[in-house]
Amino acid sequence: MKVEIVRTHSFDIPSLVSRTRDKHIPHAIEITQDFVSRSSVVWVGKADGIEVCAVGLIPLSVLSDHAMIWLTHTQICEAHPLRFIRWSRKVLHEAHSLYPNLFGYCVNIRSQAWLEWLGAEFSGQTFRLTHG
């Protein structure tokens, strides 16, 4: 399986969302489209050319060094975690170069474990990822 991560705001959001665990959430496609449109940067992960995850940063303001990080992923990422874990460090390094202070909200246990592995500090379902 060839894995690649690209920076882009242009990808097939409905197709990606239809393959996630969030597909049952009302308006999941519209929510994801809103997150993408408000993001200053979006990374899309592909496996053999198929979009399998997206990560984005929504800054608090134009001049802020704080941004909300969001992620949506398919079961392909969960089935092949080692192939995507090494890319997560690269994305996080680039994200911290843009916004040293990242925060978010996480309800998925697997995502929470991934975030903790990356250094996230949780308080309930909210987390922060600081550079350094």
N, C-alpha and C. Protein backbone atom coordinates (compact mmCIF):
# COMPACT_ATOMS: atom_id res chain seq x y z
N MET A 1 0.85 -1.18 0.00
CA MET A 1 0.00 0.00 0.00
C MET A 1 0.89 1.23 0.00
N LYS A 2 0.66 2.11 -0.95
CA LYS A 2 1.40 3.37 -1.03
C LYS A 2 0.61 4.43 -0.27
N VAL A 3 1.25 5.05 0.73
CA VAL A 3 0.63 6.09 1.54
C VAL A 3 1.30 7.42 1.22
N GLU A 4 0.50 8.45 1.03
CA GLU A 4 1.02 9.79 0.83
C GLU A 4 0.12 10.80 1.51
N ILE A 5 0.71 11.92 1.91
CA ILE A 5 -0.03 13.01 2.54
C ILE A 5 0.22 14.25 1.68
N VAL A 6 -0.85 14.92 1.28
CA VAL A 6 -0.72 16.12 0.45
C VAL A 6 -1.45 17.29 1.12
N ARG A 7 -0.91 18.48 0.93
CA ARG A 7 -1.58 19.69 1.40
C ARG A 7 -2.52 20.17 0.31
N THR A 8 -3.81 20.22 0.63
CA THR A 8 -4.80 20.66 -0.35
C THR A 8 -6.12 20.96 0.34
N HIS A 9 -6.87 21.88 -0.21
CA HIS A 9 -8.25 22.13 0.24
C HIS A 9 -9.24 21.47 -0.71
N SER A 10 -8.72 20.86 -1.77
CA SER A 10 -9.57 20.30 -2.81
C SER A 10 -9.52 18.77 -2.77
N PHE A 11 -10.60 18.18 -2.27
CA PHE A 11 -10.72 16.72 -2.26
C PHE A 11 -12.19 16.36 -2.17
N ASP A 12 -12.49 15.10 -2.36
CA ASP A 12 -13.87 14.63 -2.41
C ASP A 12 -14.40 14.39 -1.00
N ILE A 13 -14.89 15.46 -0.37
CA ILE A 13 -15.37 15.39 1.01
C ILE A 13 -16.50 14.39 1.18
N PRO A 14 -17.55 14.41 0.34
CA PRO A 14 -18.63 13.43 0.52
C PRO A 14 -18.14 11.98 0.47
N SER A 15 -17.22 11.68 -0.44
CA SER A 15 -16.70 10.33 -0.55
C SER A 15 -15.91 9.94 0.70
N LEU A 16 -15.07 10.84 1.18
CA LEU A 16 -14.29 10.56 2.38
C LEU A 16 -15.22 10.35 3.58
N VAL A 17 -16.15 11.26 3.80
CA VAL A 17 -17.05 11.17 4.96
C VAL A 17 -17.89 9.89 4.89
N SER A 18 -18.28 9.47 3.69
CA SER A 18 -19.10 8.27 3.55
C SER A 18 -18.38 7.01 4.00
N ARG A 19 -17.05 7.08 4.13
CA ARG A 19 -16.26 5.92 4.54
C ARG A 19 -15.74 6.04 5.98
N THR A 20 -16.25 7.03 6.74
CA THR A 20 -15.81 7.22 8.12
C THR A 20 -16.86 6.70 9.10
N ARG A 21 -16.45 6.59 10.35
CA ARG A 21 -17.40 6.22 11.41
C ARG A 21 -18.41 7.35 11.68
N ASP A 22 -18.11 8.56 11.21
CA ASP A 22 -18.97 9.72 11.43
C ASP A 22 -20.09 9.85 10.41
N LYS A 23 -20.16 8.94 9.44
CA LYS A 23 -21.13 9.08 8.35
C LYS A 23 -22.57 9.12 8.84
N HIS A 24 -22.84 8.56 10.01
CA HIS A 24 -24.21 8.54 10.56
C HIS A 24 -24.60 9.86 11.23
N ILE A 25 -23.62 10.72 11.51
CA ILE A 25 -23.91 12.00 12.17
C ILE A 25 -24.65 12.91 11.21
N PRO A 26 -25.79 13.47 11.65
CA PRO A 26 -26.52 14.39 10.76
C PRO A 26 -25.60 15.53 10.29
N HIS A 27 -25.64 15.81 9.03
CA HIS A 27 -24.89 16.91 8.41
C HIS A 27 -23.37 16.72 8.48
N ALA A 28 -22.90 15.49 8.58
CA ALA A 28 -21.45 15.23 8.69
C ALA A 28 -20.69 15.81 7.50
N ILE A 29 -21.26 15.70 6.31
CA ILE A 29 -20.58 16.24 5.13
C ILE A 29 -20.49 17.76 5.22
N GLU A 30 -21.59 18.41 5.60
CA GLU A 30 -21.61 19.87 5.70
C GLU A 30 -20.66 20.36 6.80
N ILE A 31 -20.60 19.63 7.91
CA ILE A 31 -19.69 20.00 9.00
C ILE A 31 -18.25 19.91 8.52
N THR A 32 -17.93 18.83 7.83
CA THR A 32 -16.56 18.67 7.32
C THR A 32 -16.25 19.75 6.29
N GLN A 33 -17.20 20.05 5.41
CA GLN A 33 -16.98 21.12 4.43
C GLN A 33 -16.73 22.46 5.12
N ASP A 34 -17.47 22.72 6.21
CA ASP A 34 -17.26 23.96 6.97
C ASP A 34 -15.86 23.98 7.59
N PHE A 35 -15.44 22.87 8.17
CA PHE A 35 -14.10 22.81 8.76
C PHE A 35 -13.04 23.05 7.69
N VAL A 36 -13.19 22.43 6.53
CA VAL A 36 -12.21 22.61 5.45
C VAL A 36 -12.18 24.07 5.01
N SER A 37 -13.33 24.69 4.85
CA SER A 37 -13.37 26.08 4.36
C SER A 37 -12.79 27.07 5.38
N ARG A 38 -12.87 26.75 6.66
CA ARG A 38 -12.34 27.65 7.70
C ARG A 38 -10.88 27.36 8.02
N SER A 39 -10.34 26.28 7.48
CA SER A 39 -8.96 25.88 7.79
C SER A 39 -7.96 26.68 6.97
N SER A 40 -6.87 27.05 7.62
CA SER A 40 -5.79 27.73 6.90
C SER A 40 -4.95 26.72 6.13
N VAL A 41 -4.93 25.49 6.60
CA VAL A 41 -4.20 24.42 5.92
C VAL A 41 -4.94 23.10 6.17
N VAL A 42 -4.93 22.24 5.14
CA VAL A 42 -5.53 20.91 5.23
C VAL A 42 -4.56 19.92 4.60
N TRP A 43 -4.36 18.80 5.29
CA TRP A 43 -3.59 17.70 4.75
C TRP A 43 -4.55 16.55 4.48
N VAL A 44 -4.41 15.91 3.34
CA VAL A 44 -5.24 14.76 2.99
C VAL A 44 -4.33 13.55 2.83
N GLY A 45 -4.68 12.48 3.54
CA GLY A 45 -3.93 11.25 3.45
C GLY A 45 -4.57 10.33 2.42
N LYS A 46 -3.72 9.70 1.63
CA LYS A 46 -4.20 8.78 0.59
C LYS A 46 -3.50 7.44 0.73
N ALA A 47 -4.27 6.39 0.47
CA ALA A 47 -3.72 5.04 0.43
C ALA A 47 -4.02 4.48 -0.96
N ASP A 48 -2.97 4.22 -1.71
CA ASP A 48 -3.13 3.77 -3.09
C ASP A 48 -4.05 4.71 -3.89
N GLY A 49 -3.89 6.02 -3.64
CA GLY A 49 -4.65 7.03 -4.37
C GLY A 49 -6.04 7.33 -3.83
N ILE A 50 -6.50 6.57 -2.83
CA ILE A 50 -7.84 6.77 -2.26
C ILE A 50 -7.71 7.65 -1.02
N GLU A 51 -8.53 8.70 -0.93
CA GLU A 51 -8.50 9.60 0.22
C GLU A 51 -9.04 8.87 1.44
N VAL A 52 -8.20 8.77 2.50
CA VAL A 52 -8.58 8.00 3.68
C VAL A 52 -8.57 8.82 4.97
N CYS A 53 -8.04 10.04 4.94
CA CYS A 53 -8.09 10.89 6.12
C CYS A 53 -7.83 12.33 5.72
N ALA A 54 -8.25 13.24 6.59
CA ALA A 54 -7.99 14.66 6.40
C ALA A 54 -7.75 15.27 7.77
N VAL A 55 -6.78 16.17 7.82
CA VAL A 55 -6.42 16.90 9.04
C VAL A 55 -6.35 18.38 8.67
N GLY A 56 -6.93 19.22 9.52
CA GLY A 56 -6.89 20.64 9.22
C GLY A 56 -6.66 21.48 10.47
N LEU A 57 -6.30 22.74 10.24
CA LEU A 57 -6.06 23.70 11.31
C LEU A 57 -6.94 24.92 11.11
N ILE A 58 -7.74 25.23 12.13
CA ILE A 58 -8.60 26.42 12.09
C ILE A 58 -8.05 27.40 13.12
N PRO A 59 -7.42 28.49 12.66
CA PRO A 59 -6.84 29.45 13.61
C PRO A 59 -7.91 30.23 14.36
N LEU A 60 -7.58 30.63 15.60
CA LEU A 60 -8.52 31.44 16.39
C LEU A 60 -8.75 32.80 15.74
N SER A 61 -7.70 33.35 15.15
CA SER A 61 -7.82 34.63 14.44
C SER A 61 -6.68 34.68 13.42
N VAL A 62 -6.68 35.72 12.61
CA VAL A 62 -5.67 35.84 11.56
C VAL A 62 -4.26 35.89 12.13
N LEU A 63 -4.09 36.56 13.27
CA LEU A 63 -2.76 36.72 13.84
C LEU A 63 -2.46 35.77 15.00
N SER A 64 -3.33 34.84 15.26
CA SER A 64 -3.20 33.95 16.41
C SER A 64 -2.12 32.89 16.22
N ASP A 65 -1.51 32.48 17.33
CA ASP A 65 -0.61 31.33 17.30
C ASP A 65 -1.30 30.09 17.86
N HIS A 66 -2.63 30.17 18.02
CA HIS A 66 -3.47 29.06 18.48
C HIS A 66 -4.39 28.62 17.33
N ALA A 67 -4.53 27.31 17.19
CA ALA A 67 -5.43 26.79 16.16
C ALA A 67 -6.08 25.50 16.66
N MET A 68 -7.31 25.29 16.23
CA MET A 68 -7.99 24.03 16.50
C MET A 68 -7.55 23.04 15.43
N ILE A 69 -7.13 21.87 15.86
CA ILE A 69 -6.77 20.81 14.93
C ILE A 69 -7.95 19.84 14.86
N TRP A 70 -8.31 19.42 13.67
CA TRP A 70 -9.40 18.47 13.49
C TRP A 70 -8.93 17.35 12.57
N LEU A 71 -9.59 16.22 12.69
CA LEU A 71 -9.22 15.04 11.92
C LEU A 71 -10.46 14.22 11.62
N THR A 72 -10.53 13.70 10.43
CA THR A 72 -11.51 12.67 10.11
C THR A 72 -10.76 11.57 9.37
N HIS A 73 -11.10 10.32 9.66
CA HIS A 73 -10.37 9.22 9.04
C HIS A 73 -11.28 8.03 8.82
N THR A 74 -10.86 7.19 7.89
CA THR A 74 -11.61 5.98 7.56
C THR A 74 -11.03 4.79 8.32
N GLN A 75 -11.70 3.66 8.18
CA GLN A 75 -11.22 2.45 8.84
C GLN A 75 -9.92 1.93 8.22
N ILE A 76 -9.59 2.39 7.03
CA ILE A 76 -8.31 2.00 6.43
C ILE A 76 -7.17 2.48 7.32
N CYS A 77 -7.29 3.68 7.86
CA CYS A 77 -6.25 4.20 8.77
C CYS A 77 -6.17 3.35 10.03
N GLU A 78 -7.32 2.93 10.54
CA GLU A 78 -7.34 2.10 11.75
C GLU A 78 -6.78 0.70 11.47
N ALA A 79 -7.01 0.19 10.27
CA ALA A 79 -6.53 -1.15 9.92
C ALA A 79 -5.03 -1.17 9.66
N HIS A 80 -4.45 -0.03 9.30
CA HIS A 80 -3.02 0.06 8.98
C HIS A 80 -2.39 1.23 9.73
N PRO A 81 -2.45 1.22 11.06
CA PRO A 81 -2.00 2.39 11.82
C PRO A 81 -0.53 2.72 11.64
N LEU A 82 0.34 1.73 11.55
CA LEU A 82 1.76 2.03 11.43
C LEU A 82 2.10 2.77 10.15
N ARG A 83 1.33 2.54 9.10
CA ARG A 83 1.58 3.24 7.85
C ARG A 83 1.23 4.73 7.96
N PHE A 84 0.32 5.06 8.87
CA PHE A 84 -0.10 6.45 8.99
C PHE A 84 0.53 7.16 10.18
N ILE A 85 1.01 6.41 11.16
CA ILE A 85 1.60 7.02 12.36
C ILE A 85 2.83 7.85 12.01
N ARG A 86 3.69 7.33 11.15
CA ARG A 86 4.91 8.11 10.85
C ARG A 86 4.57 9.41 10.15
N TRP A 87 3.51 9.41 9.36
CA TRP A 87 3.09 10.65 8.69
C TRP A 87 2.53 11.65 9.69
N SER A 88 1.91 11.16 10.75
CA SER A 88 1.30 12.07 11.73
C SER A 88 2.35 12.95 12.38
N ARG A 89 3.52 12.42 12.65
CA ARG A 89 4.61 13.24 13.23
C ARG A 89 5.03 14.35 12.27
N LYS A 90 5.11 14.03 10.98
CA LYS A 90 5.49 15.04 9.99
C LYS A 90 4.43 16.14 9.90
N VAL A 91 3.17 15.75 9.89
CA VAL A 91 2.08 16.73 9.84
C VAL A 91 2.10 17.58 11.10
N LEU A 92 2.28 16.95 12.26
CA LEU A 92 2.30 17.70 13.52
C LEU A 92 3.46 18.68 13.55
N HIS A 93 4.63 18.26 13.07
CA HIS A 93 5.78 19.17 13.02
C HIS A 93 5.46 20.40 12.16
N GLU A 94 4.87 20.17 11.00
CA GLU A 94 4.52 21.29 10.12
C GLU A 94 3.42 22.15 10.76
N ALA A 95 2.44 21.51 11.40
CA ALA A 95 1.36 22.25 12.07
C ALA A 95 1.92 23.16 13.15
N HIS A 96 2.86 22.63 13.94
CA HIS A 96 3.46 23.45 15.01
C HIS A 96 4.32 24.58 14.46
N SER A 97 4.85 24.43 13.27
CA SER A 97 5.62 25.54 12.69
C SER A 97 4.69 26.69 12.31
N LEU A 98 3.42 26.38 12.07
CA LEU A 98 2.42 27.40 11.74
C LEU A 98 1.72 27.94 12.99
N TYR A 99 1.39 27.05 13.91
CA TYR A 99 0.66 27.39 15.13
C TYR A 99 1.26 26.59 16.29
N PRO A 100 2.05 27.22 17.14
CA PRO A 100 2.68 26.48 18.25
C PRO A 100 1.69 25.88 19.24
N ASN A 101 0.49 26.44 19.33
CA ASN A 101 -0.49 25.97 20.30
C ASN A 101 -1.72 25.41 19.60
N LEU A 102 -1.86 24.09 19.67
CA LEU A 102 -2.98 23.40 19.03
C LEU A 102 -3.91 22.87 20.10
N PHE A 103 -5.20 22.86 19.80
CA PHE A 103 -6.19 22.33 20.73
C PHE A 103 -7.29 21.66 19.94
N GLY A 104 -8.12 20.90 20.63
CA GLY A 104 -9.23 20.24 19.95
C GLY A 104 -10.13 19.51 20.92
N TYR A 105 -11.03 18.73 20.34
CA TYR A 105 -12.05 17.99 21.07
C TYR A 105 -12.07 16.60 20.47
N CYS A 106 -12.05 15.57 21.31
CA CYS A 106 -11.96 14.20 20.80
C CYS A 106 -12.86 13.27 21.60
N VAL A 107 -13.71 12.53 20.89
CA VAL A 107 -14.59 11.55 21.54
C VAL A 107 -14.25 10.12 21.14
N ASN A 108 -13.40 9.95 20.15
CA ASN A 108 -13.04 8.63 19.65
C ASN A 108 -11.85 8.08 20.45
N ILE A 109 -12.02 6.93 21.08
CA ILE A 109 -10.98 6.34 21.92
C ILE A 109 -9.70 6.08 21.13
N ARG A 110 -9.82 5.56 19.92
CA ARG A 110 -8.62 5.28 19.10
C ARG A 110 -7.91 6.58 18.74
N SER A 111 -8.68 7.61 18.41
CA SER A 111 -8.07 8.90 18.09
C SER A 111 -7.40 9.50 19.33
N GLN A 112 -8.02 9.32 20.49
CA GLN A 112 -7.44 9.83 21.72
C GLN A 112 -6.10 9.16 22.00
N ALA A 113 -6.01 7.86 21.79
CA ALA A 113 -4.74 7.16 21.99
C ALA A 113 -3.67 7.68 21.03
N TRP A 114 -4.06 7.91 19.78
CA TRP A 114 -3.12 8.45 18.78
C TRP A 114 -2.65 9.83 19.21
N LEU A 115 -3.57 10.67 19.66
CA LEU A 115 -3.22 12.03 20.09
C LEU A 115 -2.31 12.00 21.32
N GLU A 116 -2.59 11.11 22.26
CA GLU A 116 -1.72 11.00 23.44
C GLU A 116 -0.32 10.56 23.03
N TRP A 117 -0.22 9.65 22.07
CA TRP A 117 1.07 9.20 21.57
C TRP A 117 1.84 10.38 20.96
N LEU A 118 1.11 11.33 20.37
CA LEU A 118 1.73 12.52 19.79
C LEU A 118 2.04 13.59 20.83
N GLY A 119 1.61 13.36 22.08
CA GLY A 119 1.92 14.31 23.15
C GLY A 119 0.76 15.16 23.63
N ALA A 120 -0.45 14.83 23.22
CA ALA A 120 -1.62 15.60 23.64
C ALA A 120 -1.87 15.43 25.13
N GLU A 121 -2.30 16.52 25.75
CA GLU A 121 -2.70 16.50 27.16
C GLU A 121 -4.20 16.69 27.19
N PHE A 122 -4.91 15.73 27.80
CA PHE A 122 -6.37 15.75 27.82
C PHE A 122 -6.92 16.26 29.14
N SER A 123 -8.04 16.96 29.03
CA SER A 123 -8.87 17.33 30.17
C SER A 123 -10.29 16.98 29.74
N GLY A 124 -10.76 15.83 30.15
CA GLY A 124 -12.04 15.34 29.64
C GLY A 124 -11.86 14.98 28.18
N GLN A 125 -12.70 15.55 27.33
CA GLN A 125 -12.62 15.27 25.89
C GLN A 125 -11.90 16.37 25.12
N THR A 126 -11.45 17.40 25.82
CA THR A 126 -10.67 18.45 25.16
C THR A 126 -9.19 18.16 25.35
N PHE A 127 -8.40 18.61 24.40
CA PHE A 127 -6.96 18.36 24.49
C PHE A 127 -6.19 19.56 23.97
N ARG A 128 -4.91 19.58 24.30
CA ARG A 128 -4.00 20.56 23.75
C ARG A 128 -2.71 19.87 23.37
N LEU A 129 -2.12 20.36 22.30
CA LEU A 129 -0.84 19.87 21.79
C LEU A 129 0.06 21.08 21.66
N THR A 130 1.02 21.22 22.56
CA THR A 130 1.92 22.36 22.48
C THR A 130 3.25 21.93 21.89
N HIS A 131 3.88 22.86 21.22
CA HIS A 131 5.15 22.59 20.56
C HIS A 131 6.24 22.45 21.62
N GLY A 132 7.06 21.42 21.43
CA GLY A 132 8.21 21.28 22.32
C GLY A 132 8.12 20.19 23.24
